[in-house]
Amino acid sequence: MAQSSTTLRNRITNAKGLSNELLAAAQFAKDPNLIVFTPIGAGPVDILVLNIKTGEYTAYDVKTQNYRKNGYKIARARTGEQKRLGVKILNFDPENK
């Protein structure tokens, strides 16, 4: 039997991920030279950041930084689609904003 996507654990995990995406976007928004976009819906990109001085943009997939029991950080890899699109992984730790 397949696990329901509305389990309490999934809802907590989804809520934490969404709140950390918003906190990460707020960190970028503090720079007056950056415009932050948050695409709606599921996809390989969580945040797009446009530098209005240089015209360059960067796409990010925000991951909540997690640690192993021994204290080492858990690394997250990009998907093939993210590699093709040039998306960067942003390991966001809300405790170390």
N, C-alpha and C. Protein backbone atom coordinates (compact mmCIF):
# COMPACT_ATOMS: atom_id res chain seq x y z
N MET A 1 0.84 -1.18 0.00
CA MET A 1 0.00 0.00 0.00
C MET A 1 0.88 1.25 0.00
N ALA A 2 0.58 2.17 -0.86
CA ALA A 2 1.36 3.41 -0.98
C ALA A 2 1.09 4.32 0.21
N GLN A 3 2.12 5.03 0.62
CA GLN A 3 1.99 5.96 1.73
C GLN A 3 1.30 7.23 1.25
N SER A 4 0.37 7.71 2.04
CA SER A 4 -0.35 8.93 1.70
C SER A 4 0.58 10.13 1.80
N SER A 5 0.42 11.07 0.88
CA SER A 5 1.27 12.26 0.89
C SER A 5 0.80 13.28 1.92
N THR A 6 -0.29 12.99 2.62
CA THR A 6 -0.80 13.94 3.60
C THR A 6 -0.55 13.47 5.03
N THR A 7 0.47 12.65 5.23
CA THR A 7 0.79 12.22 6.57
C THR A 7 1.31 13.40 7.36
N LEU A 8 1.24 13.31 8.67
CA LEU A 8 1.69 14.39 9.53
C LEU A 8 3.16 14.71 9.28
N ARG A 9 3.98 13.68 9.13
CA ARG A 9 5.42 13.90 8.90
C ARG A 9 5.64 14.68 7.60
N ASN A 10 4.92 14.32 6.54
CA ASN A 10 5.07 15.02 5.26
C ASN A 10 4.61 16.46 5.36
N ARG A 11 3.52 16.69 6.08
CA ARG A 11 3.04 18.07 6.23
C ARG A 11 4.04 18.92 6.99
N ILE A 12 4.65 18.36 8.03
CA ILE A 12 5.65 19.10 8.81
C ILE A 12 6.88 19.38 7.95
N THR A 13 7.32 18.37 7.22
CA THR A 13 8.49 18.52 6.34
C THR A 13 8.22 19.56 5.27
N ASN A 14 7.05 19.51 4.64
CA ASN A 14 6.70 20.48 3.60
C ASN A 14 6.62 21.90 4.16
N ALA A 15 6.04 22.04 5.34
CA ALA A 15 5.92 23.37 5.95
C ALA A 15 7.30 23.93 6.28
N LYS A 16 8.19 23.10 6.81
CA LYS A 16 9.54 23.56 7.14
C LYS A 16 10.29 23.96 5.87
N GLY A 17 10.15 23.17 4.81
CA GLY A 17 10.81 23.49 3.55
C GLY A 17 10.31 24.80 2.98
N LEU A 18 9.00 25.01 2.99
CA LEU A 18 8.42 26.25 2.46
C LEU A 18 8.86 27.46 3.27
N SER A 19 8.84 27.33 4.59
CA SER A 19 9.24 28.47 5.42
C SER A 19 10.72 28.80 5.20
N ASN A 20 11.56 27.79 5.01
CA ASN A 20 12.98 28.06 4.76
C ASN A 20 13.21 28.66 3.38
N GLU A 21 12.40 28.30 2.39
CA GLU A 21 12.49 28.94 1.08
C GLU A 21 12.17 30.42 1.20
N LEU A 22 11.15 30.75 1.97
CA LEU A 22 10.77 32.16 2.15
C LEU A 22 11.84 32.93 2.93
N LEU A 23 12.43 32.30 3.94
CA LEU A 23 13.50 32.94 4.70
C LEU A 23 14.73 33.17 3.81
N ALA A 24 15.05 32.21 2.97
CA ALA A 24 16.18 32.36 2.05
C ALA A 24 15.91 33.50 1.07
N ALA A 25 14.70 33.57 0.54
CA ALA A 25 14.33 34.65 -0.37
C ALA A 25 14.45 36.01 0.33
N ALA A 26 14.06 36.06 1.61
CA ALA A 26 14.15 37.31 2.36
C ALA A 26 15.60 37.73 2.56
N GLN A 27 16.51 36.77 2.71
CA GLN A 27 17.93 37.09 2.83
C GLN A 27 18.46 37.76 1.56
N PHE A 28 18.07 37.21 0.40
CA PHE A 28 18.48 37.81 -0.87
C PHE A 28 17.86 39.20 -1.04
N ALA A 29 16.61 39.35 -0.61
CA ALA A 29 15.88 40.60 -0.80
C ALA A 29 16.47 41.76 0.00
N LYS A 30 17.32 41.48 0.96
CA LYS A 30 17.96 42.55 1.74
C LYS A 30 18.92 43.37 0.89
N ASP A 31 19.42 42.78 -0.19
CA ASP A 31 20.33 43.49 -1.09
C ASP A 31 19.50 44.30 -2.08
N PRO A 32 19.63 45.63 -2.09
CA PRO A 32 18.81 46.45 -2.98
C PRO A 32 19.10 46.25 -4.47
N ASN A 33 20.21 45.59 -4.80
CA ASN A 33 20.55 45.34 -6.20
C ASN A 33 20.00 44.03 -6.71
N LEU A 34 19.30 43.29 -5.86
CA LEU A 34 18.75 42.00 -6.26
C LEU A 34 17.23 42.03 -6.28
N ILE A 35 16.66 41.42 -7.30
CA ILE A 35 15.21 41.22 -7.36
C ILE A 35 14.99 39.72 -7.23
N VAL A 36 14.12 39.32 -6.32
CA VAL A 36 13.89 37.91 -6.02
C VAL A 36 12.54 37.48 -6.55
N PHE A 37 12.54 36.40 -7.31
CA PHE A 37 11.32 35.80 -7.83
C PHE A 37 11.15 34.42 -7.22
N THR A 38 9.93 34.07 -6.88
CA THR A 38 9.66 32.72 -6.39
C THR A 38 8.62 32.10 -7.33
N PRO A 39 9.04 31.17 -8.18
CA PRO A 39 8.11 30.53 -9.10
C PRO A 39 7.01 29.78 -8.34
N ILE A 40 5.82 29.80 -8.89
CA ILE A 40 4.69 29.11 -8.27
C ILE A 40 4.60 27.71 -8.84
N GLY A 41 4.33 26.75 -7.97
CA GLY A 41 4.17 25.37 -8.41
C GLY A 41 5.44 24.56 -8.20
N ALA A 42 5.33 23.29 -8.46
CA ALA A 42 6.47 22.39 -8.30
C ALA A 42 7.40 22.52 -9.49
N GLY A 43 8.68 22.36 -9.25
CA GLY A 43 9.64 22.45 -10.33
C GLY A 43 11.06 22.38 -9.80
N PRO A 44 12.03 22.47 -10.68
CA PRO A 44 13.42 22.34 -10.28
C PRO A 44 14.02 23.60 -9.66
N VAL A 45 13.27 24.71 -9.66
CA VAL A 45 13.78 25.99 -9.16
C VAL A 45 12.86 26.50 -8.06
N ASP A 46 13.45 26.93 -6.93
CA ASP A 46 12.67 27.51 -5.84
C ASP A 46 12.75 29.03 -5.84
N ILE A 47 13.91 29.57 -6.20
CA ILE A 47 14.12 31.02 -6.18
C ILE A 47 14.93 31.42 -7.40
N LEU A 48 14.51 32.51 -8.04
CA LEU A 48 15.31 33.14 -9.10
C LEU A 48 15.75 34.50 -8.57
N VAL A 49 17.04 34.81 -8.71
CA VAL A 49 17.57 36.07 -8.23
C VAL A 49 18.17 36.81 -9.41
N LEU A 50 17.69 38.03 -9.65
CA LEU A 50 18.17 38.88 -10.74
C LEU A 50 18.97 40.03 -10.15
N ASN A 51 20.19 40.17 -10.61
CA ASN A 51 21.03 41.30 -10.21
C ASN A 51 20.77 42.42 -11.21
N ILE A 52 20.19 43.52 -10.74
CA ILE A 52 19.81 44.60 -11.66
C ILE A 52 21.00 45.42 -12.14
N LYS A 53 22.13 45.33 -11.46
CA LYS A 53 23.33 46.04 -11.93
C LYS A 53 23.99 45.30 -13.08
N THR A 54 24.09 43.98 -12.96
CA THR A 54 24.80 43.20 -13.97
C THR A 54 23.87 42.55 -14.99
N GLY A 55 22.58 42.43 -14.64
CA GLY A 55 21.62 41.76 -15.52
C GLY A 55 21.70 40.24 -15.45
N GLU A 56 22.54 39.73 -14.57
CA GLU A 56 22.68 38.28 -14.44
C GLU A 56 21.63 37.73 -13.48
N TYR A 57 21.22 36.50 -13.76
CA TYR A 57 20.29 35.85 -12.84
C TYR A 57 20.87 34.51 -12.40
N THR A 58 20.45 34.09 -11.21
CA THR A 58 20.86 32.81 -10.66
C THR A 58 19.63 32.08 -10.17
N ALA A 59 19.53 30.81 -10.50
CA ALA A 59 18.42 29.97 -10.07
C ALA A 59 18.89 29.10 -8.91
N TYR A 60 18.07 28.98 -7.86
CA TYR A 60 18.42 28.20 -6.69
C TYR A 60 17.34 27.18 -6.37
N ASP A 61 17.78 26.03 -5.89
CA ASP A 61 16.91 25.05 -5.26
C ASP A 61 17.28 25.07 -3.79
N VAL A 62 16.36 25.50 -2.94
CA VAL A 62 16.65 25.66 -1.52
C VAL A 62 16.44 24.32 -0.81
N LYS A 63 17.46 23.91 -0.09
CA LYS A 63 17.40 22.70 0.73
C LYS A 63 17.67 23.10 2.17
N THR A 64 16.88 22.56 3.08
CA THR A 64 17.12 22.81 4.49
C THR A 64 18.35 22.01 4.90
N GLN A 65 19.34 22.68 5.49
CA GLN A 65 20.58 22.00 5.88
C GLN A 65 20.28 21.03 7.01
N ASN A 66 20.65 19.77 6.80
CA ASN A 66 20.51 18.74 7.81
C ASN A 66 21.87 18.18 8.15
N TYR A 67 21.96 17.58 9.32
CA TYR A 67 23.23 17.06 9.80
C TYR A 67 23.08 15.60 10.22
N ARG A 68 24.15 14.85 10.05
CA ARG A 68 24.20 13.46 10.52
C ARG A 68 24.41 13.46 12.04
N LYS A 69 24.23 12.30 12.65
CA LYS A 69 24.41 12.19 14.09
C LYS A 69 25.81 12.60 14.53
N ASN A 70 26.79 12.38 13.66
CA ASN A 70 28.17 12.72 14.01
C ASN A 70 28.48 14.20 13.76
N GLY A 71 27.50 14.98 13.31
CA GLY A 71 27.68 16.42 13.11
C GLY A 71 28.04 16.85 11.70
N TYR A 72 28.32 15.89 10.81
CA TYR A 72 28.65 16.23 9.43
C TYR A 72 27.41 16.67 8.67
N LYS A 73 27.60 17.64 7.77
CA LYS A 73 26.49 18.10 6.94
C LYS A 73 26.10 17.03 5.93
N ILE A 74 24.82 16.96 5.61
CA ILE A 74 24.33 16.06 4.57
C ILE A 74 24.32 16.84 3.26
N ALA A 75 25.02 16.32 2.26
CA ALA A 75 25.12 16.99 0.95
C ALA A 75 23.94 16.61 0.08
N ARG A 76 23.44 17.55 -0.69
CA ARG A 76 22.34 17.31 -1.62
C ARG A 76 22.85 17.51 -3.04
N ALA A 77 22.55 16.57 -3.90
CA ALA A 77 22.99 16.64 -5.29
C ALA A 77 21.89 17.25 -6.16
N ARG A 78 22.30 17.85 -7.27
CA ARG A 78 21.34 18.39 -8.23
C ARG A 78 20.81 17.26 -9.12
N THR A 79 19.58 17.41 -9.58
CA THR A 79 19.02 16.46 -10.53
C THR A 79 19.61 16.75 -11.91
N GLY A 80 19.42 15.84 -12.83
CA GLY A 80 19.90 16.06 -14.20
C GLY A 80 19.31 17.31 -14.80
N GLU A 81 18.03 17.54 -14.57
CA GLU A 81 17.37 18.74 -15.09
C GLU A 81 17.98 20.00 -14.49
N GLN A 82 18.26 19.97 -13.19
CA GLN A 82 18.86 21.14 -12.55
C GLN A 82 20.26 21.41 -13.08
N LYS A 83 21.02 20.36 -13.34
CA LYS A 83 22.35 20.53 -13.92
C LYS A 83 22.25 21.18 -15.30
N ARG A 84 21.30 20.71 -16.10
CA ARG A 84 21.11 21.23 -17.45
C ARG A 84 20.71 22.72 -17.42
N LEU A 85 19.91 23.10 -16.42
CA LEU A 85 19.43 24.48 -16.31
C LEU A 85 20.39 25.39 -15.55
N GLY A 86 21.43 24.82 -14.95
CA GLY A 86 22.39 25.63 -14.20
C GLY A 86 21.89 26.06 -12.83
N VAL A 87 20.99 25.27 -12.24
CA VAL A 87 20.44 25.59 -10.93
C VAL A 87 21.48 25.27 -9.85
N LYS A 88 21.60 26.16 -8.89
CA LYS A 88 22.51 25.94 -7.76
C LYS A 88 21.71 25.46 -6.56
N ILE A 89 22.33 24.58 -5.77
CA ILE A 89 21.71 24.13 -4.52
C ILE A 89 22.10 25.12 -3.44
N LEU A 90 21.11 25.61 -2.71
CA LEU A 90 21.35 26.51 -1.59
C LEU A 90 20.99 25.75 -0.33
N ASN A 91 22.01 25.29 0.40
CA ASN A 91 21.78 24.60 1.67
C ASN A 91 21.53 25.66 2.73
N PHE A 92 20.27 25.87 3.05
CA PHE A 92 19.88 26.96 3.96
C PHE A 92 19.74 26.43 5.37
N ASP A 93 20.45 27.05 6.28
CA ASP A 93 20.37 26.70 7.69
C ASP A 93 19.70 27.86 8.41
N PRO A 94 18.43 27.72 8.82
CA PRO A 94 17.73 28.85 9.43
C PRO A 94 18.35 29.31 10.74
N GLU A 95 19.14 28.47 11.37
CA GLU A 95 19.80 28.85 12.63
C GLU A 95 20.99 29.78 12.38
N ASN A 96 21.57 29.69 11.18
CA ASN A 96 22.74 30.52 10.84
C ASN A 96 22.42 31.45 9.70
N LYS A 97 21.42 32.27 9.85
CA LYS A 97 20.99 33.19 8.78
C LYS A 97 22.10 34.12 8.52
